[in-house]
Amino acid sequence: MRRRSLLASGVALLGSGLAGCLGQSGDDTATESPTRSETPTTSDTEPVTDADVSLSASVERLQPGAVVLGVDSISTVGDGSQYLYYRVDVTDGDPPDRLDFGFRYGGDIYSPGIDTGGQLWRESRTDDRYTAERGEGWLVFELPATRAARHAALTVGSTEWPVGESVRERLGAPAPSLSLDWNVDAEQTPGETPMSFAVTNDGDRDTRFVAALNAENIDAAYAPIEAFSRRIPGGETVSWEFVHENGVAPGSNAVSDGEVDGRYTLDWTGGRREQAVRFVAEPSSE
C-alpha cells in the first residue's frame, strides 16, 4: 500500500467501461471530470506543479484471481482479493513512473502490482505492461474482495478520476460462484492432448474464470502450459476446447506400457483439479 504524491494536471480520462465482466459497455464509462484532494487554484489544462501530463485510461477488466509464474509452474492467487486491470496511454507530457499511479479505494491508495513473490504470467508472456519508457500499457491493482467503498478512483498524485457507479458496485459485491466441468481422457496418444472446459456462472452478474494449467512428467518434470481468463456471463455456461502439444514421441518407451506416465493439474479460483494420463498407440474403443 502506498501514500505518495505526484501532482499532475491536464489529464483526460477516456473510459471505455469495464468491458466483459462488468456488464454492458457504456454503463461503466468513467467520464467524470478529474477531482483533486485539495481545492485547485488553476484550471485542469494548466500545470499546478512541475508535472504536466495528459493521458487516456480505461478499465480493462475485473477478475477474482490472477495467475503467477513460479520456478517451474503457474498458479492462481486471489483468496480475499480481486484484480482490477487498467489500460493507460500517455498522450502528452512526460509519462509518470508506473508506481506514481494508484487506485483509491475508500480511504486507502493501492499501488499497481500484486503482493506475491511470483511474476504475473501475463507480464512474463507479453511486453505491454505500462512503463514510463513506453508511456502506455496495462496496470493491475490488487484490491480487497469483499470491501464496499463509496469512493473509487484512478489516481496520479493528487489528481483523481472516479469510476462509474456500476464499477463501484461490482467492486463492492462478492464474485459470483462458478462451477467447472473439466475433462481430460486418461488415455492419450502421442503428439496432442485434447481437453474440454465448461464453466457455469451460478450468479446473475458477469465474472471471469481464472485458472492455471500445468503438466507433470509429460514432456518435462514440471511445465506451465496455459493460463486462462475467460469472461463468464451471469447465468450462462461457456464451453471451449484446448489442445496441449504434449511432445511425446510415438516410439517412446512410455507408450503402451500400461503405466501412468504423467498428470495435468488445473489450479483455479475454485480449487485444484488433476488428471493422471497414460500414453497409448491408439485409444481404446470403450
C-alpha atoms as a PDB file:
ATOM      1  CA  MET A   1       0.000   0.000   0.000  1.00  0.00           C
ATOM      2  CA  ARG A   2       1.334   3.439  -0.871  1.00  0.00           C
ATOM      3  CA  ARG A   3       0.655   7.013   0.064  1.00  0.00           C
ATOM      4  CA  ARG A   4       2.777   9.255  -2.140  1.00  0.00           C
ATOM      5  CA  SER A   5       2.087  12.301  -4.265  1.00  0.00           C
ATOM      6  CA  LEU A   6       2.949  13.360  -7.769  1.00  0.00           C
ATOM      7  CA  LEU A   7       0.855  16.375  -8.654  1.00  0.00           C
ATOM      8  CA  ALA A   8      -0.298  16.357 -12.262  1.00  0.00           C
ATOM      9  CA  SER A   9      -2.652  18.310 -14.454  1.00  0.00           C
ATOM     10  CA  GLY A  10      -4.074  18.360 -17.934  1.00  0.00           C
ATOM     11  CA  VAL A  11      -5.151  14.711 -17.830  1.00  0.00           C
ATOM     12  CA  ALA A  12      -8.231  13.386 -19.615  1.00  0.00           C
ATOM     13  CA  LEU A  13      -9.815  10.037 -18.757  1.00  0.00           C
ATOM     14  CA  LEU A  14     -11.363   8.365 -21.775  1.00  0.00           C
ATOM     15  CA  GLY A  15     -13.132   5.389 -20.222  1.00  0.00           C
ATOM     16  CA  SER A  16     -14.481   2.608 -22.385  1.00  0.00           C
ATOM     17  CA  GLY A  17     -16.188   0.910 -19.471  1.00  0.00           C
ATOM     18  CA  LEU A  18     -15.340  -2.374 -17.851  1.00  0.00           C
ATOM     19  CA  ALA A  19     -15.736  -4.496 -20.933  1.00  0.00           C
ATOM     20  CA  GLY A  20     -16.957  -8.017 -20.483  1.00  0.00           C
ATOM     21  CA  CYS A  21     -17.036  -8.650 -16.771  1.00  0.00           C
ATOM     22  CA  LEU A  22     -18.811  -5.542 -15.518  1.00  0.00           C
ATOM     23  CA  GLY A  23     -21.843  -5.523 -17.718  1.00  0.00           C
ATOM     24  CA  GLN A  24     -22.539  -3.566 -20.870  1.00  0.00           C
ATOM     25  CA  SER A  25     -20.008  -1.049 -22.046  1.00  0.00           C
ATOM     26  CA  GLY A  26     -21.407   2.408 -21.609  1.00  0.00           C
ATOM     27  CA  ASP A  27     -22.824   1.640 -18.179  1.00  0.00           C
ATOM     28  CA  ASP A  28     -19.324   1.766 -16.728  1.00  0.00           C
ATOM     29  CA  THR A  29     -17.768   4.591 -18.692  1.00  0.00           C
ATOM     30  CA  ALA A  30     -15.749   6.771 -16.354  1.00  0.00           C
ATOM     31  CA  THR A  31     -16.120  10.183 -17.921  1.00  0.00           C
ATOM     32  CA  GLU A  32     -16.325  12.301 -14.810  1.00  0.00           C
ATOM     33  CA  SER A  33     -14.008  15.281 -14.647  1.00  0.00           C
ATOM     34  CA  PRO A  34     -10.845  14.785 -12.591  1.00  0.00           C
ATOM     35  CA  THR A  35     -11.121  15.708  -8.933  1.00  0.00           C
ATOM     36  CA  ARG A  36      -8.360  16.761  -6.573  1.00  0.00           C
ATOM     37  CA  SER A  37      -7.670  16.067  -2.954  1.00  0.00           C
ATOM     38  CA  GLU A  38      -7.153  19.803  -2.485  1.00  0.00           C
ATOM     39  CA  THR A  39      -9.003  22.804  -3.890  1.00  0.00           C
ATOM     40  CA  PRO A  40      -7.457  23.632  -7.294  1.00  0.00           C
ATOM     41  CA  THR A  41      -6.287  27.150  -7.913  1.00  0.00           C
ATOM     42  CA  THR A  42      -5.854  26.760 -11.666  1.00  0.00           C
ATOM     43  CA  SER A  43      -7.796  25.144 -14.484  1.00  0.00           C
ATOM     44  CA  ASP A  44      -7.265  21.495 -15.384  1.00  0.00           C
ATOM     45  CA  THR A  45      -5.408  22.496 -18.532  1.00  0.00           C
ATOM     46  CA  GLU A  46      -2.688  24.377 -16.662  1.00  0.00           C
ATOM     47  CA  PRO A  47       0.112  22.715 -14.702  1.00  0.00           C
ATOM     48  CA  VAL A  48      -0.052  23.196 -10.947  1.00  0.00           C
ATOM     49  CA  THR A  49       3.490  21.898 -10.337  1.00  0.00           C
ATOM     50  CA  ASP A  50       6.410  20.747 -12.459  1.00  0.00           C
ATOM     51  CA  ALA A  51       4.405  17.716 -13.675  1.00  0.00           C
ATOM     52  CA  ASP A  52       2.268  18.199 -16.765  1.00  0.00           C
ATOM     53  CA  VAL A  53       0.832  15.128 -18.459  1.00  0.00           C
ATOM     54  CA  SER A  54      -2.234  14.093 -20.454  1.00  0.00           C
ATOM     55  CA  LEU A  55      -3.405  10.508 -20.659  1.00  0.00           C
ATOM     56  CA  SER A  56      -6.310   8.284 -21.624  1.00  0.00           C
ATOM     57  CA  ALA A  57      -7.201   5.414 -19.330  1.00  0.00           C
ATOM     58  CA  SER A  58      -9.925   2.792 -19.374  1.00  0.00           C
ATOM     59  CA  VAL A  59     -10.874  -0.079 -17.116  1.00  0.00           C
ATOM     60  CA  GLU A  60      -9.954  -3.255 -18.972  1.00  0.00           C
ATOM     61  CA  ARG A  61     -11.445  -5.918 -16.704  1.00  0.00           C
ATOM     62  CA  LEU A  62     -12.090  -7.047 -13.147  1.00  0.00           C
ATOM     63  CA  GLN A  63     -11.348 -10.636 -12.157  1.00  0.00           C
ATOM     64  CA  PRO A  64     -11.403 -12.648  -8.906  1.00  0.00           C
ATOM     65  CA  GLY A  65      -7.872 -14.026  -9.274  1.00  0.00           C
ATOM     66  CA  ALA A  66      -4.567 -13.697 -11.113  1.00  0.00           C
ATOM     67  CA  VAL A  67      -2.076 -16.210 -12.488  1.00  0.00           C
ATOM     68  CA  VAL A  68       1.530 -16.012 -11.306  1.00  0.00           C
ATOM     69  CA  LEU A  69       4.657 -17.769 -12.520  1.00  0.00           C
ATOM     70  CA  GLY A  70       6.734 -19.768 -10.051  1.00  0.00           C
ATOM     71  CA  VAL A  71      10.009 -21.619 -10.541  1.00  0.00           C
ATOM     72  CA  ASP A  72       8.573 -24.379 -12.725  1.00  0.00           C
ATOM     73  CA  SER A  73       4.794 -23.960 -12.695  1.00  0.00           C
ATOM     74  CA  ILE A  74       1.990 -21.420 -12.616  1.00  0.00           C
ATOM     75  CA  SER A  75      -0.735 -20.964 -10.023  1.00  0.00           C
ATOM     76  CA  THR A  76      -3.621 -18.688  -9.156  1.00  0.00           C
ATOM     77  CA  VAL A  77      -3.690 -16.151  -6.352  1.00  0.00           C
ATOM     78  CA  GLY A  78      -6.660 -14.215  -5.117  1.00  0.00           C
ATOM     79  CA  ASP A  79      -8.012 -15.516  -1.843  1.00  0.00           C
ATOM     80  CA  GLY A  80      -9.514 -12.385  -0.303  1.00  0.00           C
ATOM     81  CA  SER A  81      -8.559 -10.189  -3.267  1.00  0.00           C
ATOM     82  CA  GLN A  82      -9.827  -9.008  -6.637  1.00  0.00           C
ATOM     83  CA  TYR A  83      -7.815  -7.653  -9.555  1.00  0.00           C
ATOM     84  CA  LEU A  84      -8.674  -4.503 -11.479  1.00  0.00           C
ATOM     85  CA  TYR A  85      -6.874  -4.014 -14.804  1.00  0.00           C
ATOM     86  CA  TYR A  86      -6.487  -0.605 -16.428  1.00  0.00           C
ATOM     87  CA  ARG A  87      -5.235   0.316 -19.905  1.00  0.00           C
ATOM     88  CA  VAL A  88      -3.286   3.590 -19.831  1.00  0.00           C
ATOM     89  CA  ASP A  89      -1.883   5.686 -22.699  1.00  0.00           C
ATOM     90  CA  VAL A  90       0.028   8.926 -22.080  1.00  0.00           C
ATOM     91  CA  THR A  91      -0.905  11.286 -24.898  1.00  0.00           C
ATOM     92  CA  ASP A  92       1.124  14.361 -23.944  1.00  0.00           C
ATOM     93  CA  GLY A  93       3.807  15.344 -21.461  1.00  0.00           C
ATOM     94  CA  ASP A  94       6.335  13.265 -19.537  1.00  0.00           C
ATOM     95  CA  PRO A  95       4.909   9.819 -18.703  1.00  0.00           C
ATOM     96  CA  PRO A  96       4.680   9.165 -14.947  1.00  0.00           C
ATOM     97  CA  ASP A  97       6.538   6.243 -13.449  1.00  0.00           C
ATOM     98  CA  ARG A  98       4.379   3.135 -13.033  1.00  0.00           C
ATOM     99  CA  LEU A  99       4.406   3.489  -9.248  1.00  0.00           C
ATOM    100  CA  ASP A 100       3.199   7.080  -9.480  1.00  0.00           C
ATOM    101  CA  PHE A 101      -0.209   5.662 -10.410  1.00  0.00           C
ATOM    102  CA  GLY A 102      -2.559   4.432  -7.731  1.00  0.00           C
ATOM    103  CA  PHE A 103      -6.130   3.345  -7.150  1.00  0.00           C
ATOM    104  CA  ARG A 104      -8.013   4.974  -4.305  1.00  0.00           C
ATOM    105  CA  TYR A 105     -10.465   2.547  -2.742  1.00  0.00           C
ATOM    106  CA  GLY A 106     -12.199   4.064   0.228  1.00  0.00           C
ATOM    107  CA  GLY A 107      -9.579   5.706   2.412  1.00  0.00           C
ATOM    108  CA  ASP A 108      -6.600   3.776   1.010  1.00  0.00           C
ATOM    109  CA  ILE A 109      -4.499   4.114  -2.132  1.00  0.00           C
ATOM    110  CA  TYR A 110      -3.226   0.877  -3.675  1.00  0.00           C
ATOM    111  CA  SER A 111      -0.102   0.731  -5.813  1.00  0.00           C
ATOM    112  CA  PRO A 112      -0.110  -1.184  -9.109  1.00  0.00           C
ATOM    113  CA  GLY A 113       1.114  -4.766  -8.824  1.00  0.00           C
ATOM    114  CA  ILE A 114       0.313  -7.752  -6.646  1.00  0.00           C
ATOM    115  CA  ASP A 115       1.594  -8.862  -3.260  1.00  0.00           C
ATOM    116  CA  THR A 116       3.342 -12.108  -4.205  1.00  0.00           C
ATOM    117  CA  GLY A 117       6.846 -13.379  -4.790  1.00  0.00           C
ATOM    118  CA  GLY A 118       5.920 -14.673  -8.245  1.00  0.00           C
ATOM    119  CA  GLN A 119       5.759 -12.812 -11.534  1.00  0.00           C
ATOM    120  CA  LEU A 120       2.418 -12.248 -13.218  1.00  0.00           C
ATOM    121  CA  TRP A 121       2.027 -14.768 -16.043  1.00  0.00           C
ATOM    122  CA  ARG A 122       0.695 -12.012 -18.291  1.00  0.00           C
ATOM    123  CA  GLU A 123       3.822  -9.967 -17.651  1.00  0.00           C
ATOM    124  CA  SER A 124       6.058 -12.928 -18.491  1.00  0.00           C
ATOM    125  CA  ARG A 125       4.251 -13.615 -21.781  1.00  0.00           C
ATOM    126  CA  THR A 126       3.713 -10.091 -23.116  1.00  0.00           C
ATOM    127  CA  ASP A 127       5.656  -6.844 -23.287  1.00  0.00           C
ATOM    128  CA  ASP A 128       2.731  -4.457 -22.926  1.00  0.00           C
ATOM    129  CA  ARG A 129       2.785  -3.718 -19.196  1.00  0.00           C
ATOM    130  CA  TYR A 130       2.878   0.021 -18.562  1.00  0.00           C
ATOM    131  CA  THR A 131       6.316   1.600 -18.232  1.00  0.00           C
ATOM    132  CA  ALA A 132       7.328   5.249 -18.262  1.00  0.00           C
ATOM    133  CA  GLU A 133       9.638   4.488 -21.188  1.00  0.00           C
ATOM    134  CA  ARG A 134       6.761   3.185 -23.309  1.00  0.00           C
ATOM    135  CA  GLY A 135       4.190   5.638 -21.987  1.00  0.00           C
ATOM    136  CA  GLU A 136       1.401   3.111 -22.402  1.00  0.00           C
ATOM    137  CA  GLY A 137       0.277  -0.337 -21.321  1.00  0.00           C
ATOM    138  CA  TRP A 138      -1.702  -2.098 -18.618  1.00  0.00           C
ATOM    139  CA  LEU A 139      -1.746  -1.675 -14.860  1.00  0.00           C
ATOM    140  CA  VAL A 140      -3.236  -4.075 -12.325  1.00  0.00           C
ATOM    141  CA  PHE A 141      -4.422  -3.217  -8.827  1.00  0.00           C
ATOM    142  CA  GLU A 142      -4.901  -5.864  -6.138  1.00  0.00           C
ATOM    143  CA  LEU A 143      -7.917  -4.801  -4.069  1.00  0.00           C
ATOM    144  CA  PRO A 144      -9.877  -6.321  -1.160  1.00  0.00           C
ATOM    145  CA  ALA A 145     -12.503  -8.740  -2.448  1.00  0.00           C
ATOM    146  CA  THR A 146     -15.405  -8.002  -0.126  1.00  0.00           C
ATOM    147  CA  ARG A 147     -14.921  -4.392   0.840  1.00  0.00           C
ATOM    148  CA  ALA A 148     -17.505  -1.816  -0.217  1.00  0.00           C
ATOM    149  CA  ALA A 149     -16.341   1.763  -0.687  1.00  0.00           C
ATOM    150  CA  ARG A 150     -18.238   4.896  -1.639  1.00  0.00           C
ATOM    151  CA  HIS A 151     -15.180   6.293  -3.392  1.00  0.00           C
ATOM    152  CA  ALA A 152     -13.063   4.508  -6.032  1.00  0.00           C
ATOM    153  CA  ALA A 153     -10.773   6.294  -8.457  1.00  0.00           C
ATOM    154  CA  LEU A 154      -7.607   6.048 -10.522  1.00  0.00           C
ATOM    155  CA  THR A 155      -5.023   8.498  -9.208  1.00  0.00           C
ATOM    156  CA  VAL A 156      -1.813  10.183 -10.258  1.00  0.00           C
ATOM    157  CA  GLY A 157      -0.654  12.002  -7.170  1.00  0.00           C
ATOM    158  CA  SER A 158      -3.467  14.273  -6.011  1.00  0.00           C
ATOM    159  CA  THR A 159      -5.445  14.045  -9.272  1.00  0.00           C
ATOM    160  CA  GLU A 160      -8.274  11.510  -9.338  1.00  0.00           C
ATOM    161  CA  TRP A 161     -10.688  10.082 -11.904  1.00  0.00           C
ATOM    162  CA  PRO A 162     -13.606   8.341 -10.159  1.00  0.00           C
ATOM    163  CA  VAL A 163     -15.001   5.181 -11.724  1.00  0.00           C
ATOM    164  CA  GLY A 164     -18.686   4.902 -12.613  1.00  0.00           C
ATOM    165  CA  GLU A 165     -21.299   3.770 -10.139  1.00  0.00           C
ATOM    166  CA  SER A 166     -21.695   0.322 -11.707  1.00  0.00           C
ATOM    167  CA  VAL A 167     -17.948  -0.352 -11.441  1.00  0.00           C
ATOM    168  CA  ARG A 168     -18.038   0.725  -7.811  1.00  0.00           C
ATOM    169  CA  GLU A 169     -20.961  -1.637  -7.173  1.00  0.00           C
ATOM    170  CA  ARG A 170     -19.099  -4.548  -8.771  1.00  0.00           C
ATOM    171  CA  LEU A 171     -16.025  -3.849  -6.679  1.00  0.00           C
ATOM    172  CA  GLY A 172     -18.127  -3.997  -3.518  1.00  0.00           C
ATOM    173  CA  ALA A 173     -20.068  -7.160  -4.409  1.00  0.00           C
ATOM    174  CA  PRO A 174     -18.838 -10.752  -3.918  1.00  0.00           C
ATOM    175  CA  ALA A 175     -17.777 -12.540  -7.094  1.00  0.00           C
ATOM    176  CA  PRO A 176     -20.459 -14.948  -8.393  1.00  0.00           C
ATOM    177  CA  SER A 177     -19.905 -18.669  -7.790  1.00  0.00           C
ATOM    178  CA  LEU A 178     -18.653 -20.763 -10.700  1.00  0.00           C
ATOM    179  CA  SER A 179     -18.932 -24.491 -11.346  1.00  0.00           C
ATOM    180  CA  LEU A 180     -16.391 -26.266 -13.556  1.00  0.00           C
ATOM    181  CA  ASP A 181     -16.588 -29.353 -15.762  1.00  0.00           C
ATOM    182  CA  TRP A 182     -13.043 -30.177 -16.946  1.00  0.00           C
ATOM    183  CA  ASN A 183     -12.493 -33.331 -18.983  1.00  0.00           C
ATOM    184  CA  VAL A 184      -9.176 -34.953 -19.918  1.00  0.00           C
ATOM    185  CA  ASP A 185      -9.185 -38.592 -21.042  1.00  0.00           C
ATOM    186  CA  ALA A 186      -6.970 -40.914 -19.005  1.00  0.00           C
ATOM    187  CA  GLU A 187      -5.660 -42.493 -22.230  1.00  0.00           C
ATOM    188  CA  GLN A 188      -3.804 -40.169 -24.571  1.00  0.00           C
ATOM    189  CA  THR A 189      -1.945 -40.649 -27.837  1.00  0.00           C
ATOM    190  CA  PRO A 190       1.475 -39.125 -28.556  1.00  0.00           C
ATOM    191  CA  GLY A 191       1.513 -35.633 -30.003  1.00  0.00           C
ATOM    192  CA  GLU A 192      -1.621 -33.917 -28.715  1.00  0.00           C
ATOM    193  CA  THR A 193      -3.685 -33.974 -25.533  1.00  0.00           C
ATOM    194  CA  PRO A 194      -7.193 -32.559 -26.042  1.00  0.00           C
ATOM    195  CA  MET A 195      -9.258 -31.370 -23.112  1.00  0.00           C
ATOM    196  CA  SER A 196     -12.581 -29.615 -22.677  1.00  0.00           C
ATOM    197  CA  PHE A 197     -13.851 -26.929 -20.327  1.00  0.00           C
ATOM    198  CA  ALA A 198     -17.412 -25.984 -19.386  1.00  0.00           C
ATOM    199  CA  VAL A 199     -17.786 -23.213 -16.812  1.00  0.00           C
ATOM    200  CA  THR A 200     -21.180 -22.196 -15.430  1.00  0.00           C
ATOM    201  CA  ASN A 201     -21.835 -18.882 -13.728  1.00  0.00           C
ATOM    202  CA  ASP A 202     -24.347 -19.594 -10.978  1.00  0.00           C
ATOM    203  CA  GLY A 203     -24.934 -15.900 -10.274  1.00  0.00           C
ATOM    204  CA  ASP A 204     -26.675 -13.100 -12.141  1.00  0.00           C
ATOM    205  CA  ARG A 205     -23.582 -10.911 -12.701  1.00  0.00           C
ATOM    206  CA  ASP A 206     -20.740 -11.431 -15.142  1.00  0.00           C
ATOM    207  CA  THR A 207     -17.392 -12.624 -13.816  1.00  0.00           C
ATOM    208  CA  ARG A 208     -14.242 -14.319 -15.103  1.00  0.00           C
ATOM    209  CA  PHE A 209     -12.885 -17.844 -14.901  1.00  0.00           C
ATOM    210  CA  VAL A 210      -9.202 -17.639 -13.924  1.00  0.00           C
ATOM    211  CA  ALA A 211      -7.077 -20.792 -13.968  1.00  0.00           C
ATOM    212  CA  ALA A 212      -3.529 -22.110 -14.387  1.00  0.00           C
ATOM    213  CA  LEU A 213      -2.810 -25.361 -16.256  1.00  0.00           C
ATOM    214  CA  ASN A 214       0.386 -27.344 -15.605  1.00  0.00           C
ATOM    215  CA  ALA A 215       1.842 -30.657 -16.752  1.00  0.00           C
ATOM    216  CA  GLU A 216       3.877 -33.067 -14.615  1.00  0.00           C
ATOM    217  CA  ASN A 217       6.110 -35.708 -16.217  1.00  0.00           C
ATOM    218  CA  ILE A 218       4.574 -35.189 -19.646  1.00  0.00           C
ATOM    219  CA  ASP A 219       7.343 -33.578 -21.710  1.00  0.00           C
ATOM    220  CA  ALA A 220       9.245 -32.316 -18.648  1.00  0.00           C
ATOM    221  CA  ALA A 221       9.247 -32.920 -14.919  1.00  0.00           C
ATOM    222  CA  TYR A 222       7.146 -29.796 -14.397  1.00  0.00           C
ATOM    223  CA  ALA A 223       5.964 -27.319 -17.004  1.00  0.00           C
ATOM    224  CA  PRO A 224       3.446 -24.468 -17.141  1.00  0.00           C
ATOM    225  CA  ILE A 225       1.076 -24.970 -20.071  1.00  0.00           C
ATOM    226  CA  GLU A 226      -1.520 -22.191 -20.215  1.00  0.00           C
ATOM    227  CA  ALA A 227      -3.293 -19.522 -18.188  1.00  0.00           C
ATOM    228  CA  PHE A 228      -6.994 -18.833 -18.690  1.00  0.00           C
ATOM    229  CA  SER A 229      -9.046 -15.703 -18.074  1.00  0.00           C
ATOM    230  CA  ARG A 230     -12.464 -16.195 -19.653  1.00  0.00           C
ATOM    231  CA  ARG A 231     -15.499 -13.963 -19.320  1.00  0.00           C
ATOM    232  CA  ILE A 232     -18.476 -15.945 -17.997  1.00  0.00           C
ATOM    233  CA  PRO A 233     -21.793 -14.052 -18.307  1.00  0.00           C
ATOM    234  CA  GLY A 234     -24.261 -14.258 -15.443  1.00  0.00           C
ATOM    235  CA  GLY A 235     -26.457 -17.365 -15.552  1.00  0.00           C
ATOM    236  CA  GLU A 236     -24.647 -18.846 -18.570  1.00  0.00           C
ATOM    237  CA  THR A 237     -22.279 -21.709 -19.372  1.00  0.00           C
ATOM    238  CA  VAL A 238     -19.202 -21.112 -21.541  1.00  0.00           C
ATOM    239  CA  SER A 239     -17.538 -24.131 -23.168  1.00  0.00           C
ATOM    240  CA  TRP A 240     -14.309 -24.450 -25.132  1.00  0.00           C
ATOM    241  CA  GLU A 241     -11.642 -26.930 -26.193  1.00  0.00           C
ATOM    242  CA  PHE A 242      -7.909 -26.775 -25.557  1.00  0.00           C
ATOM    243  CA  VAL A 243      -5.151 -28.923 -27.061  1.00  0.00           C
ATOM    244  CA  HIS A 244      -1.729 -29.384 -25.485  1.00  0.00           C
ATOM    245  CA  GLU A 245       1.176 -30.333 -27.742  1.00  0.00           C
ATOM    246  CA  ASN A 246       2.465 -32.984 -25.344  1.00  0.00           C
ATOM    247  CA  GLY A 247       5.830 -33.655 -27.027  1.00  0.00           C
ATOM    248  CA  VAL A 248       5.614 -37.427 -26.564  1.00  0.00           C
ATOM    249  CA  ALA A 249       7.117 -39.359 -29.494  1.00  0.00           C
ATOM    250  CA  PRO A 250       5.218 -42.336 -30.942  1.00  0.00           C
ATOM    251  CA  GLY A 251       8.210 -44.605 -30.338  1.00  0.00           C
ATOM    252  CA  SER A 252       8.679 -43.593 -26.716  1.00  0.00           C
ATOM    253  CA  ASN A 253       9.153 -46.380 -24.186  1.00  0.00           C
ATOM    254  CA  ALA A 254       6.319 -44.861 -22.181  1.00  0.00           C
ATOM    255  CA  VAL A 255       3.759 -45.578 -24.908  1.00  0.00           C
ATOM    256  CA  SER A 256       1.524 -48.590 -24.189  1.00  0.00           C
ATOM    257  CA  ASP A 257       3.488 -49.741 -21.146  1.00  0.00           C
ATOM    258  CA  GLY A 258       0.317 -49.727 -19.047  1.00  0.00           C
ATOM    259  CA  GLU A 259       1.763 -47.326 -16.501  1.00  0.00           C
ATOM    260  CA  VAL A 260       0.649 -43.825 -15.581  1.00  0.00           C
ATOM    261  CA  ASP A 261       3.037 -41.505 -17.399  1.00  0.00           C
ATOM    262  CA  GLY A 262       2.143 -38.101 -16.012  1.00  0.00           C
ATOM    263  CA  ARG A 263      -0.633 -35.801 -14.969  1.00  0.00           C
ATOM    264  CA  TYR A 264      -2.263 -32.483 -15.716  1.00  0.00           C
ATOM    265  CA  THR A 265      -3.156 -30.129 -12.884  1.00  0.00           C
ATOM    266  CA  LEU A 266      -5.598 -27.243 -13.051  1.00  0.00           C
ATOM    267  CA  ASP A 267      -5.379 -24.603 -10.345  1.00  0.00           C
ATOM    268  CA  TRP A 268      -8.327 -22.211 -10.413  1.00  0.00           C
ATOM    269  CA  THR A 269     -10.049 -19.807  -8.053  1.00  0.00           C
ATOM    270  CA  GLY A 270     -12.435 -22.599  -7.018  1.00  0.00           C
ATOM    271  CA  GLY A 271      -9.762 -25.129  -6.073  1.00  0.00           C
ATOM    272  CA  ARG A 272      -7.429 -27.638  -7.702  1.00  0.00           C
ATOM    273  CA  ARG A 273      -8.117 -30.497 -10.118  1.00  0.00           C
ATOM    274  CA  GLU A 274      -5.788 -33.124 -11.539  1.00  0.00           C
ATOM    275  CA  GLN A 275      -5.946 -35.906 -14.107  1.00  0.00           C
ATOM    276  CA  ALA A 276      -3.425 -38.736 -14.451  1.00  0.00           C
ATOM    277  CA  VAL A 277      -2.761 -39.884 -18.030  1.00  0.00           C
ATOM    278  CA  ARG A 278      -1.027 -42.768 -19.761  1.00  0.00           C
ATOM    279  CA  PHE A 279       0.066 -42.811 -23.374  1.00  0.00           C
ATOM    280  CA  VAL A 280      -1.110 -45.462 -25.807  1.00  0.00           C
ATOM    281  CA  ALA A 281      -0.545 -46.053 -29.505  1.00  0.00           C
ATOM    282  CA  GLU A 282      -4.301 -45.985 -30.080  1.00  0.00           C
ATOM    283  CA  PRO A 283      -7.086 -45.099 -27.631  1.00  0.00           C
ATOM    284  CA  SER A 284      -9.371 -47.921 -26.545  1.00  0.00           C
ATOM    285  CA  SER A 285     -12.772 -48.191 -28.204  1.00  0.00           C
ATOM    286  CA  GLU A 286     -14.632 -48.017 -24.885  1.00  0.00           C
END
